[in-house]
Amino acid sequence: YQSLSAREKEEYEKYPLLGSAMLLGFPALEKVAHIISTHRELSNGLGYPHQFKSNDIPLESRILSIVVDYNELQSGLLFPHKLLASEALQLIKNNEEKRY
């Protein structure tokens, strides 16, 4: 993510809405669609796509965000290098109030 251009980041940040839109045609999955559309929001309001804050972000979305971040930290998608599982977990804990 760090290596993307501004335009590429703009496109990338559409994925929660695109993923959500694919599920909206299925009434039984409406809640799941909402969770997906809000899982990249940050508790401090600096997330995307809606810039929701704290209690506006469903608990399920916060949980999904932690899972995605944990995976991306270990895959090298958030930083130029991959983190060990223990490093990823520590980084998540250090940023919990700001992000989750």
PDB file of N, CA and C in Angstrom:
ATOM      1  N   TYR A   1       0.824  -1.188   0.000  1.00  0.00           N
ATOM      2  CA  TYR A   1       0.000   0.000   0.000  1.00  0.00           C
ATOM      3  C   TYR A   1       0.867   1.251   0.000  1.00  0.00           C
ATOM      4  N   GLN A   2       1.964   1.211   0.758  1.00  0.00           N
ATOM      5  CA  GLN A   2       2.858   2.358   0.856  1.00  0.00           C
ATOM      6  C   GLN A   2       3.473   2.725  -0.496  1.00  0.00           C
ATOM      7  N   SER A   3       3.657   1.749  -1.350  1.00  0.00           N
ATOM      8  CA  SER A   3       4.322   1.998  -2.631  1.00  0.00           C
ATOM      9  C   SER A   3       3.360   2.440  -3.737  1.00  0.00           C
ATOM     10  N   LEU A   4       2.075   2.515  -3.449  1.00  0.00           N
ATOM     11  CA  LEU A   4       1.103   2.919  -4.465  1.00  0.00           C
ATOM     12  C   LEU A   4       1.128   4.430  -4.682  1.00  0.00           C
ATOM     13  N   SER A   5       0.846   4.837  -5.902  1.00  0.00           N
ATOM     14  CA  SER A   5       0.707   6.262  -6.197  1.00  0.00           C
ATOM     15  C   SER A   5      -0.613   6.758  -5.605  1.00  0.00           C
ATOM     16  N   ALA A   6      -0.803   8.056  -5.562  1.00  0.00           N
ATOM     17  CA  ALA A   6      -2.047   8.630  -5.031  1.00  0.00           C
ATOM     18  C   ALA A   6      -3.251   8.109  -5.809  1.00  0.00           C
ATOM     19  N   ARG A   7      -3.134   8.035  -7.104  1.00  0.00           N
ATOM     20  CA  ARG A   7      -4.232   7.537  -7.956  1.00  0.00           C
ATOM     21  C   ARG A   7      -4.517   6.053  -7.672  1.00  0.00           C
ATOM     22  N   GLU A   8      -3.464   5.272  -7.505  1.00  0.00           N
ATOM     23  CA  GLU A   8      -3.632   3.854  -7.210  1.00  0.00           C
ATOM     24  C   GLU A   8      -4.279   3.655  -5.840  1.00  0.00           C
ATOM     25  N   LYS A   9      -3.890   4.463  -4.861  1.00  0.00           N
ATOM     26  CA  LYS A   9      -4.510   4.378  -3.537  1.00  0.00           C
ATOM     27  C   LYS A   9      -5.992   4.717  -3.613  1.00  0.00           C
ATOM     28  N   GLU A  10      -6.315   5.726  -4.400  1.00  0.00           N
ATOM     29  CA  GLU A  10      -7.716   6.119  -4.582  1.00  0.00           C
ATOM     30  C   GLU A  10      -8.536   4.956  -5.144  1.00  0.00           C
ATOM     31  N   GLU A  11      -7.998   4.279  -6.122  1.00  0.00           N
ATOM     32  CA  GLU A  11      -8.677   3.122  -6.712  1.00  0.00           C
ATOM     33  C   GLU A  11      -8.768   1.975  -5.713  1.00  0.00           C
ATOM     34  N   TYR A  12      -7.669   1.697  -5.022  1.00  0.00           N
ATOM     35  CA  TYR A  12      -7.627   0.614  -4.037  1.00  0.00           C
ATOM     36  C   TYR A  12      -8.677   0.821  -2.947  1.00  0.00           C
ATOM     37  N   GLU A  13      -8.841   2.049  -2.514  1.00  0.00           N
ATOM     38  CA  GLU A  13      -9.747   2.340  -1.410  1.00  0.00           C
ATOM     39  C   GLU A  13     -11.225   2.181  -1.774  1.00  0.00           C
ATOM     40  N   LYS A  14     -11.500   1.860  -3.014  1.00  0.00           N
ATOM     41  CA  LYS A  14     -12.875   1.582  -3.440  1.00  0.00           C
ATOM     42  C   LYS A  14     -13.283   0.141  -3.151  1.00  0.00           C
ATOM     43  N   TYR A  15     -12.311  -0.710  -2.816  1.00  0.00           N
ATOM     44  CA  TYR A  15     -12.636  -2.128  -2.713  1.00  0.00           C
ATOM     45  C   TYR A  15     -13.693  -2.469  -1.656  1.00  0.00           C
ATOM     46  N   PRO A  16     -13.765  -1.787  -0.509  1.00  0.00           N
ATOM     47  CA  PRO A  16     -14.840  -2.138   0.436  1.00  0.00           C
ATOM     48  C   PRO A  16     -16.232  -1.916  -0.155  1.00  0.00           C
ATOM     49  N   LEU A  17     -16.405  -0.835  -0.909  1.00  0.00           N
ATOM     50  CA  LEU A  17     -17.709  -0.562  -1.514  1.00  0.00           C
ATOM     51  C   LEU A  17     -18.006  -1.528  -2.657  1.00  0.00           C
ATOM     52  N   LEU A  18     -16.996  -1.855  -3.423  1.00  0.00           N
ATOM     53  CA  LEU A  18     -17.199  -2.803  -4.527  1.00  0.00           C
ATOM     54  C   LEU A  18     -17.547  -4.191  -3.998  1.00  0.00           C
ATOM     55  N   GLY A  19     -16.837  -4.635  -2.982  1.00  0.00           N
ATOM     56  CA  GLY A  19     -17.134  -5.934  -2.379  1.00  0.00           C
ATOM     57  C   GLY A  19     -18.514  -5.965  -1.770  1.00  0.00           C
ATOM     58  N   SER A  20     -18.872  -4.898  -1.113  1.00  0.00           N
ATOM     59  CA  SER A  20     -20.190  -4.780  -0.502  1.00  0.00           C
ATOM     60  C   SER A  20     -21.289  -4.799  -1.558  1.00  0.00           C
ATOM     61  N   ALA A  21     -21.078  -4.076  -2.632  1.00  0.00           N
ATOM     62  CA  ALA A  21     -22.086  -3.977  -3.696  1.00  0.00           C
ATOM     63  C   ALA A  21     -22.403  -5.346  -4.297  1.00  0.00           C
ATOM     64  N   MET A  22     -21.425  -6.218  -4.356  1.00  0.00           N
ATOM     65  CA  MET A  22     -21.656  -7.545  -4.928  1.00  0.00           C
ATOM     66  C   MET A  22     -22.613  -8.382  -4.078  1.00  0.00           C
ATOM     67  N   LEU A  23     -22.709  -8.055  -2.795  1.00  0.00           N
ATOM     68  CA  LEU A  23     -23.565  -8.835  -1.903  1.00  0.00           C
ATOM     69  C   LEU A  23     -24.949  -8.235  -1.699  1.00  0.00           C
ATOM     70  N   LEU A  24     -25.133  -6.981  -2.066  1.00  0.00           N
ATOM     71  CA  LEU A  24     -26.390  -6.293  -1.780  1.00  0.00           C
ATOM     72  C   LEU A  24     -27.596  -6.896  -2.492  1.00  0.00           C
ATOM     73  N   GLY A  25     -27.385  -7.652  -3.540  1.00  0.00           N
ATOM     74  CA  GLY A  25     -28.485  -8.302  -4.245  1.00  0.00           C
ATOM     75  C   GLY A  25     -29.063  -9.495  -3.493  1.00  0.00           C
ATOM     76  N   PHE A  26     -28.430  -9.857  -2.389  1.00  0.00           N
ATOM     77  CA  PHE A  26     -28.856 -11.003  -1.599  1.00  0.00           C
ATOM     78  C   PHE A  26     -29.324 -10.510  -0.224  1.00  0.00           C
ATOM     79  N   PRO A  27     -30.635 -10.450  -0.007  1.00  0.00           N
ATOM     80  CA  PRO A  27     -31.150  -9.911   1.259  1.00  0.00           C
ATOM     81  C   PRO A  27     -30.532 -10.539   2.507  1.00  0.00           C
ATOM     82  N   ALA A  28     -30.250 -11.812   2.470  1.00  0.00           N
ATOM     83  CA  ALA A  28     -29.674 -12.481   3.641  1.00  0.00           C
ATOM     84  C   ALA A  28     -28.251 -12.010   3.942  1.00  0.00           C
ATOM     85  N   LEU A  29     -27.616 -11.349   2.997  1.00  0.00           N
ATOM     86  CA  LEU A  29     -26.227 -10.915   3.170  1.00  0.00           C
ATOM     87  C   LEU A  29     -26.087  -9.406   3.351  1.00  0.00           C
ATOM     88  N   GLU A  30     -27.189  -8.705   3.581  1.00  0.00           N
ATOM     89  CA  GLU A  30     -27.117  -7.252   3.730  1.00  0.00           C
ATOM     90  C   GLU A  30     -26.231  -6.837   4.898  1.00  0.00           C
ATOM     91  N   LYS A  31     -26.321  -7.528   6.033  1.00  0.00           N
ATOM     92  CA  LYS A  31     -25.476  -7.184   7.178  1.00  0.00           C
ATOM     93  C   LYS A  31     -24.009  -7.441   6.850  1.00  0.00           C
ATOM     94  N   VAL A  32     -23.732  -8.534   6.182  1.00  0.00           N
ATOM     95  CA  VAL A  32     -22.362  -8.844   5.777  1.00  0.00           C
ATOM     96  C   VAL A  32     -21.846  -7.769   4.827  1.00  0.00           C
ATOM     97  N   ALA A  33     -22.690  -7.315   3.912  1.00  0.00           N
ATOM     98  CA  ALA A  33     -22.300  -6.251   2.984  1.00  0.00           C
ATOM     99  C   ALA A  33     -21.919  -4.984   3.748  1.00  0.00           C
ATOM    100  N   HIS A  34     -22.686  -4.652   4.781  1.00  0.00           N
ATOM    101  CA  HIS A  34     -22.378  -3.459   5.580  1.00  0.00           C
ATOM    102  C   HIS A  34     -21.052  -3.636   6.328  1.00  0.00           C
ATOM    103  N   ILE A  35     -20.820  -4.812   6.844  1.00  0.00           N
ATOM    104  CA  ILE A  35     -19.557  -5.095   7.546  1.00  0.00           C
ATOM    105  C   ILE A  35     -18.383  -4.901   6.585  1.00  0.00           C
ATOM    106  N   ILE A  36     -18.507  -5.435   5.396  1.00  0.00           N
ATOM    107  CA  ILE A  36     -17.441  -5.309   4.404  1.00  0.00           C
ATOM    108  C   ILE A  36     -17.231  -3.847   4.011  1.00  0.00           C
ATOM    109  N   SER A  37     -18.314  -3.111   3.845  1.00  0.00           N
ATOM    110  CA  SER A  37     -18.177  -1.719   3.410  1.00  0.00           C
ATOM    111  C   SER A  37     -17.549  -0.823   4.471  1.00  0.00           C
ATOM    112  N   THR A  38     -17.556  -1.248   5.719  1.00  0.00           N
ATOM    113  CA  THR A  38     -17.021  -0.402   6.793  1.00  0.00           C
ATOM    114  C   THR A  38     -15.772  -0.971   7.467  1.00  0.00           C
ATOM    115  N   HIS A  39     -15.222  -2.053   6.967  1.00  0.00           N
ATOM    116  CA  HIS A  39     -14.094  -2.673   7.667  1.00  0.00           C
ATOM    117  C   HIS A  39     -12.764  -1.934   7.503  1.00  0.00           C
ATOM    118  N   ARG A  40     -12.680  -0.930   6.651  1.00  0.00           N
ATOM    119  CA  ARG A  40     -11.452  -0.144   6.525  1.00  0.00           C
ATOM    120  C   ARG A  40     -11.596   1.238   7.165  1.00  0.00           C
ATOM    121  N   GLU A  41     -12.684   1.449   7.901  1.00  0.00           N
ATOM    122  CA  GLU A  41     -12.846   2.673   8.681  1.00  0.00           C
ATOM    123  C   GLU A  41     -11.920   2.584   9.891  1.00  0.00           C
ATOM    124  N   LEU A  42     -11.486   3.739  10.389  1.00  0.00           N
ATOM    125  CA  LEU A  42     -10.604   3.786  11.550  1.00  0.00           C
ATOM    126  C   LEU A  42     -11.294   4.511  12.687  1.00  0.00           C
ATOM    127  N   SER A  43     -11.045   4.083  13.874  1.00  0.00           N
ATOM    128  CA  SER A  43     -11.671   4.674  15.046  1.00  0.00           C
ATOM    129  C   SER A  43     -11.447   6.178  15.122  1.00  0.00           C
ATOM    130  N   ASN A  44     -10.322   6.657  14.585  1.00  0.00           N
ATOM    131  CA  ASN A  44     -10.015   8.084  14.626  1.00  0.00           C
ATOM    132  C   ASN A  44     -10.657   8.874  13.480  1.00  0.00           C
ATOM    133  N   GLY A  45     -11.428   8.200  12.616  1.00  0.00           N
ATOM    134  CA  GLY A  45     -12.123   8.876  11.525  1.00  0.00           C
ATOM    135  C   GLY A  45     -11.312   9.044  10.252  1.00  0.00           C
ATOM    136  N   LEU A  46     -10.106   8.508  10.207  1.00  0.00           N
ATOM    137  CA  LEU A  46      -9.245   8.679   9.039  1.00  0.00           C
ATOM    138  C   LEU A  46      -9.276   7.496   8.078  1.00  0.00           C
ATOM    139  N   GLY A  47     -10.234   6.602   8.266  1.00  0.00           N
ATOM    140  CA  GLY A  47     -10.338   5.441   7.377  1.00  0.00           C
ATOM    141  C   GLY A  47     -11.127   5.759   6.122  1.00  0.00           C
ATOM    142  N   TYR A  48     -11.513   4.726   5.420  1.00  0.00           N
ATOM    143  CA  TYR A  48     -12.277   4.895   4.183  1.00  0.00           C
ATOM    144  C   TYR A  48     -13.293   3.774   4.059  1.00  0.00           C
ATOM    145  N   PRO A  49     -14.348   3.926   3.342  1.00  0.00           N
ATOM    146  CA  PRO A  49     -14.672   4.995   2.403  1.00  0.00           C
ATOM    147  C   PRO A  49     -15.518   6.130   3.009  1.00  0.00           C
ATOM    148  N   HIS A  50     -16.027   5.977   4.225  1.00  0.00           N
ATOM    149  CA  HIS A  50     -16.977   6.957   4.777  1.00  0.00           C
ATOM    150  C   HIS A  50     -16.400   7.863   5.860  1.00  0.00           C
ATOM    151  N   GLN A  51     -15.201   7.589   6.341  1.00  0.00           N
ATOM    152  CA  GLN A  51     -14.577   8.307   7.450  1.00  0.00           C
ATOM    153  C   GLN A  51     -15.432   8.235   8.726  1.00  0.00           C
ATOM    154  N   PHE A  52     -16.018   7.059   8.972  1.00  0.00           N
ATOM    155  CA  PHE A  52     -16.759   6.844  10.218  1.00  0.00           C
ATOM    156  C   PHE A  52     -15.782   6.881  11.384  1.00  0.00           C
ATOM    157  N   LYS A  53     -16.309   7.169  12.577  1.00  0.00           N
ATOM    158  CA  LYS A  53     -15.506   7.182  13.794  1.00  0.00           C
ATOM    159  C   LYS A  53     -16.075   6.189  14.795  1.00  0.00           C
ATOM    160  N   SER A  54     -15.232   5.744  15.679  1.00  0.00           N
ATOM    161  CA  SER A  54     -15.537   4.949  16.864  1.00  0.00           C
ATOM    162  C   SER A  54     -16.810   4.125  16.782  1.00  0.00           C
ATOM    163  N   ASN A  55     -17.841   4.565  17.496  1.00  0.00           N
ATOM    164  CA  ASN A  55     -19.062   3.778  17.636  1.00  0.00           C
ATOM    165  C   ASN A  55     -19.895   3.687  16.369  1.00  0.00           C
ATOM    166  N   ASP A  56     -19.545   4.464  15.339  1.00  0.00           N
ATOM    167  CA  ASP A  56     -20.246   4.357  14.052  1.00  0.00           C
ATOM    168  C   ASP A  56     -19.785   3.127  13.273  1.00  0.00           C
ATOM    169  N   ILE A  57     -18.693   2.530  13.713  1.00  0.00           N
ATOM    170  CA  ILE A  57     -18.131   1.365  13.029  1.00  0.00           C
ATOM    171  C   ILE A  57     -18.610   0.110  13.749  1.00  0.00           C
ATOM    172  N   PRO A  58     -19.318  -0.773  13.042  1.00  0.00           N
ATOM    173  CA  PRO A  58     -19.805  -1.996  13.698  1.00  0.00           C
ATOM    174  C   PRO A  58     -18.664  -2.839  14.287  1.00  0.00           C
ATOM    175  N   LEU A  59     -18.935  -3.493  15.388  1.00  0.00           N
ATOM    176  CA  LEU A  59     -17.938  -4.359  16.030  1.00  0.00           C
ATOM    177  C   LEU A  59     -17.402  -5.392  15.047  1.00  0.00           C
ATOM    178  N   GLU A  60     -18.287  -5.976  14.257  1.00  0.00           N
ATOM    179  CA  GLU A  60     -17.860  -6.994  13.291  1.00  0.00           C
ATOM    180  C   GLU A  60     -16.866  -6.415  12.280  1.00  0.00           C
ATOM    181  N   SER A  61     -17.062  -5.172  11.898  1.00  0.00           N
ATOM    182  CA  SER A  61     -16.141  -4.514  10.960  1.00  0.00           C
ATOM    183  C   SER A  61     -14.786  -4.289  11.602  1.00  0.00           C
ATOM    184  N   ARG A  62     -14.784  -3.952  12.879  1.00  0.00           N
ATOM    185  CA  ARG A  62     -13.520  -3.760  13.592  1.00  0.00           C
ATOM    186  C   ARG A  62     -12.751  -5.077  13.672  1.00  0.00           C
ATOM    187  N   ILE A  63     -13.470  -6.149  13.936  1.00  0.00           N
ATOM    188  CA  ILE A  63     -12.836  -7.471  14.012  1.00  0.00           C
ATOM    189  C   ILE A  63     -12.249  -7.847  12.648  1.00  0.00           C
ATOM    190  N   LEU A  64     -13.028  -7.640  11.593  1.00  0.00           N
ATOM    191  CA  LEU A  64     -12.533  -7.940  10.252  1.00  0.00           C
ATOM    192  C   LEU A  64     -11.307  -7.088   9.925  1.00  0.00           C
ATOM    193  N   SER A  65     -11.307  -5.852  10.343  1.00  0.00           N
ATOM    194  CA  SER A  65     -10.169  -4.961  10.114  1.00  0.00           C
ATOM    195  C   SER A  65      -8.900  -5.504  10.774  1.00  0.00           C
ATOM    196  N   ILE A  66      -9.031  -5.998  11.989  1.00  0.00           N
ATOM    197  CA  ILE A  66      -7.871  -6.573  12.684  1.00  0.00           C
ATOM    198  C   ILE A  66      -7.345  -7.788  11.924  1.00  0.00           C
ATOM    199  N   VAL A  67      -8.235  -8.634  11.475  1.00  0.00           N
ATOM    200  CA  VAL A  67      -7.836  -9.832  10.724  1.00  0.00           C
ATOM    201  C   VAL A  67      -7.125  -9.447   9.429  1.00  0.00           C
ATOM    202  N   VAL A  68      -7.685  -8.485   8.702  1.00  0.00           N
ATOM    203  CA  VAL A  68      -7.076  -8.043   7.440  1.00  0.00           C
ATOM    204  C   VAL A  68      -5.701  -7.423   7.707  1.00  0.00           C
ATOM    205  N   ASP A  69      -5.622  -6.552   8.711  1.00  0.00           N
ATOM    206  CA  ASP A  69      -4.337  -5.923   9.028  1.00  0.00           C
ATOM    207  C   ASP A  69      -3.293  -6.967   9.431  1.00  0.00           C
ATOM    208  N   TYR A  70      -3.679  -7.906  10.258  1.00  0.00           N
ATOM    209  CA  TYR A  70      -2.760  -8.958  10.702  1.00  0.00           C
ATOM    210  C   TYR A  70      -2.196  -9.716   9.504  1.00  0.00           C
ATOM    211  N   ASN A  71      -3.060 -10.060   8.581  1.00  0.00           N
ATOM    212  CA  ASN A  71      -2.634 -10.772   7.374  1.00  0.00           C
ATOM    213  C   ASN A  71      -1.739  -9.897   6.501  1.00  0.00           C
ATOM    214  N   GLU A  72      -2.144  -8.656   6.282  1.00  0.00           N
ATOM    215  CA  GLU A  72      -1.372  -7.775   5.406  1.00  0.00           C
ATOM    216  C   GLU A  72      -0.015  -7.412   5.998  1.00  0.00           C
ATOM    217  N   LEU A  73       0.070  -7.297   7.308  1.00  0.00           N
ATOM    218  CA  LEU A  73       1.356  -7.024   7.945  1.00  0.00           C
ATOM    219  C   LEU A  73       2.329  -8.184   7.743  1.00  0.00           C
ATOM    220  N   GLN A  74       1.820  -9.386   7.798  1.00  0.00           N
ATOM    221  CA  GLN A  74       2.683 -10.561   7.612  1.00  0.00           C
ATOM    222  C   GLN A  74       2.981 -10.840   6.143  1.00  0.00           C
ATOM    223  N   SER A  75       2.172 -10.273   5.258  1.00  0.00           N
ATOM    224  CA  SER A  75       2.373 -10.473   3.816  1.00  0.00           C
ATOM    225  C   SER A  75       3.232  -9.394   3.183  1.00  0.00           C
ATOM    226  N   GLY A  76       3.559  -8.354   3.953  1.00  0.00           N
ATOM    227  CA  GLY A  76       4.348  -7.260   3.407  1.00  0.00           C
ATOM    228  C   GLY A  76       3.544  -6.278   2.588  1.00  0.00           C
ATOM    229  N   LEU A  77       2.228  -6.240   2.786  1.00  0.00           N
ATOM    230  CA  LEU A  77       1.392  -5.336   2.004  1.00  0.00           C
ATOM    231  C   LEU A  77       1.254  -3.946   2.632  1.00  0.00           C
ATOM    232  N   LEU A  78       1.513  -3.813   3.910  1.00  0.00           N
ATOM    233  CA  LEU A  78       1.379  -2.512   4.569  1.00  0.00           C
ATOM    234  C   LEU A  78       2.718  -1.813   4.761  1.00  0.00           C
ATOM    235  N   PHE A  79       3.776  -2.578   4.819  1.00  0.00           N
ATOM    236  CA  PHE A  79       5.129  -2.045   4.978  1.00  0.00           C
ATOM    237  C   PHE A  79       6.012  -2.655   3.905  1.00  0.00           C
ATOM    238  N   PRO A  80       7.161  -2.055   3.681  1.00  0.00           N
ATOM    239  CA  PRO A  80       8.054  -2.608   2.648  1.00  0.00           C
ATOM    240  C   PRO A  80       8.568  -4.012   2.964  1.00  0.00           C
ATOM    241  N   HIS A  81       8.436  -4.441   4.220  1.00  0.00           N
ATOM    242  CA  HIS A  81       8.913  -5.768   4.592  1.00  0.00           C
ATOM    243  C   HIS A  81       7.822  -6.521   5.369  1.00  0.00           C
ATOM    244  N   LYS A  82       7.927  -7.820   5.364  1.00  0.00           N
ATOM    245  CA  LYS A  82       6.980  -8.658   6.089  1.00  0.00           C
ATOM    246  C   LYS A  82       7.311  -8.646   7.575  1.00  0.00           C
ATOM    247  N   LEU A  83       6.274  -8.669   8.401  1.00  0.00           N
ATOM    248  CA  LEU A  83       6.468  -8.744   9.844  1.00  0.00           C
ATOM    249  C   LEU A  83       6.239 -10.167  10.325  1.00  0.00           C
ATOM    250  N   LEU A  84       6.935 -10.545  11.362  1.00  0.00           N
ATOM    251  CA  LEU A  84       6.659 -11.814  12.023  1.00  0.00           C
ATOM    252  C   LEU A  84       5.297 -11.713  12.700  1.00  0.00           C
ATOM    253  N   ALA A  85       4.692 -12.851  12.991  1.00  0.00           N
ATOM    254  CA  ALA A  85       3.373 -12.862  13.636  1.00  0.00           C
ATOM    255  C   ALA A  85       3.388 -12.056  14.933  1.00  0.00           C
ATOM    256  N   SER A  86       4.424 -12.227  15.732  1.00  0.00           N
ATOM    257  CA  SER A  86       4.508 -11.506  17.007  1.00  0.00           C
ATOM    258  C   SER A  86       4.652  -9.998  16.792  1.00  0.00           C
ATOM    259  N   GLU A  87       5.381  -9.604  15.757  1.00  0.00           N
ATOM    260  CA  GLU A  87       5.534  -8.180  15.441  1.00  0.00           C
ATOM    261  C   GLU A  87       4.217  -7.586  14.956  1.00  0.00           C
ATOM    262  N   ALA A  88       3.508  -8.328  14.125  1.00  0.00           N
ATOM    263  CA  ALA A  88       2.214  -7.865  13.617  1.00  0.00           C
ATOM    264  C   ALA A  88       1.228  -7.687  14.768  1.00  0.00           C
ATOM    265  N   LEU A  89       1.195  -8.644  15.657  1.00  0.00           N
ATOM    266  CA  LEU A  89       0.296  -8.570  16.807  1.00  0.00           C
ATOM    267  C   LEU A  89       0.645  -7.376  17.696  1.00  0.00           C
ATOM    268  N   GLN A  90       1.916  -7.143  17.924  1.00  0.00           N
ATOM    269  CA  GLN A  90       2.332  -6.008  18.755  1.00  0.00           C
ATOM    270  C   GLN A  90       1.956  -4.679  18.099  1.00  0.00           C
ATOM    271  N   LEU A  91       2.135  -4.580  16.795  1.00  0.00           N
ATOM    272  CA  LEU A  91       1.778  -3.356  16.088  1.00  0.00           C
ATOM    273  C   LEU A  91       0.271  -3.096  16.171  1.00  0.00           C
ATOM    274  N   ILE A  92      -0.518  -4.144  16.040  1.00  0.00           N
ATOM    275  CA  ILE A  92      -1.967  -4.018  16.175  1.00  0.00           C
ATOM    276  C   ILE A  92      -2.314  -3.539  17.578  1.00  0.00           C
ATOM    277  N   LYS A  93      -1.713  -4.135  18.577  1.00  0.00           N
ATOM    278  CA  LYS A  93      -1.978  -3.722  19.965  1.00  0.00           C
ATOM    279  C   LYS A  93      -1.571  -2.273  20.202  1.00  0.00           C
ATOM    280  N   ASN A  94      -0.447  -1.866  19.644  1.00  0.00           N
ATOM    281  CA  ASN A  94       0.035  -0.495  19.825  1.00  0.00           C
ATOM    282  C   ASN A  94      -0.868   0.548  19.169  1.00  0.00           C
ATOM    283  N   ASN A  95      -1.634   0.133  18.174  1.00  0.00           N
ATOM    284  CA  ASN A  95      -2.471   1.067  17.423  1.00  0.00           C
ATOM    285  C   ASN A  95      -3.959   0.846  17.630  1.00  0.00           C
ATOM    286  N   GLU A  96      -4.331   0.049  18.622  1.00  0.00           N
ATOM    287  CA  GLU A  96      -5.730  -0.325  18.777  1.00  0.00           C
ATOM    288  C   GLU A  96      -6.670   0.850  18.983  1.00  0.00           C
ATOM    289  N   GLU A  97      -6.295   1.850  19.744  1.00  0.00           N
ATOM    290  CA  GLU A  97      -7.213   2.961  20.001  1.00  0.00           C
ATOM    291  C   GLU A  97      -7.389   3.831  18.770  1.00  0.00           C
ATOM    292  N   LYS A  98      -6.343   4.004  17.993  1.00  0.00           N
ATOM    293  CA  LYS A  98      -6.407   4.834  16.789  1.00  0.00           C
ATOM    294  C   LYS A  98      -7.147   4.128  15.652  1.00  0.00           C
ATOM    295  N   ARG A  99      -6.910   2.827  15.522  1.00  0.00           N
ATOM    296  CA  ARG A  99      -7.439   2.105  14.369  1.00  0.00           C
ATOM    297  C   ARG A  99      -8.737   1.333  14.650  1.00  0.00           C
ATOM    298  N   TYR A 100      -8.831   0.690  15.793  1.00  0.00           N
ATOM    299  CA  TYR A 100      -9.926  -0.261  15.987  1.00  0.00           C
ATOM    300  C   TYR A 100     -10.904   0.184  17.062  1.00  0.00           C
TER     301      TYR A 100
END
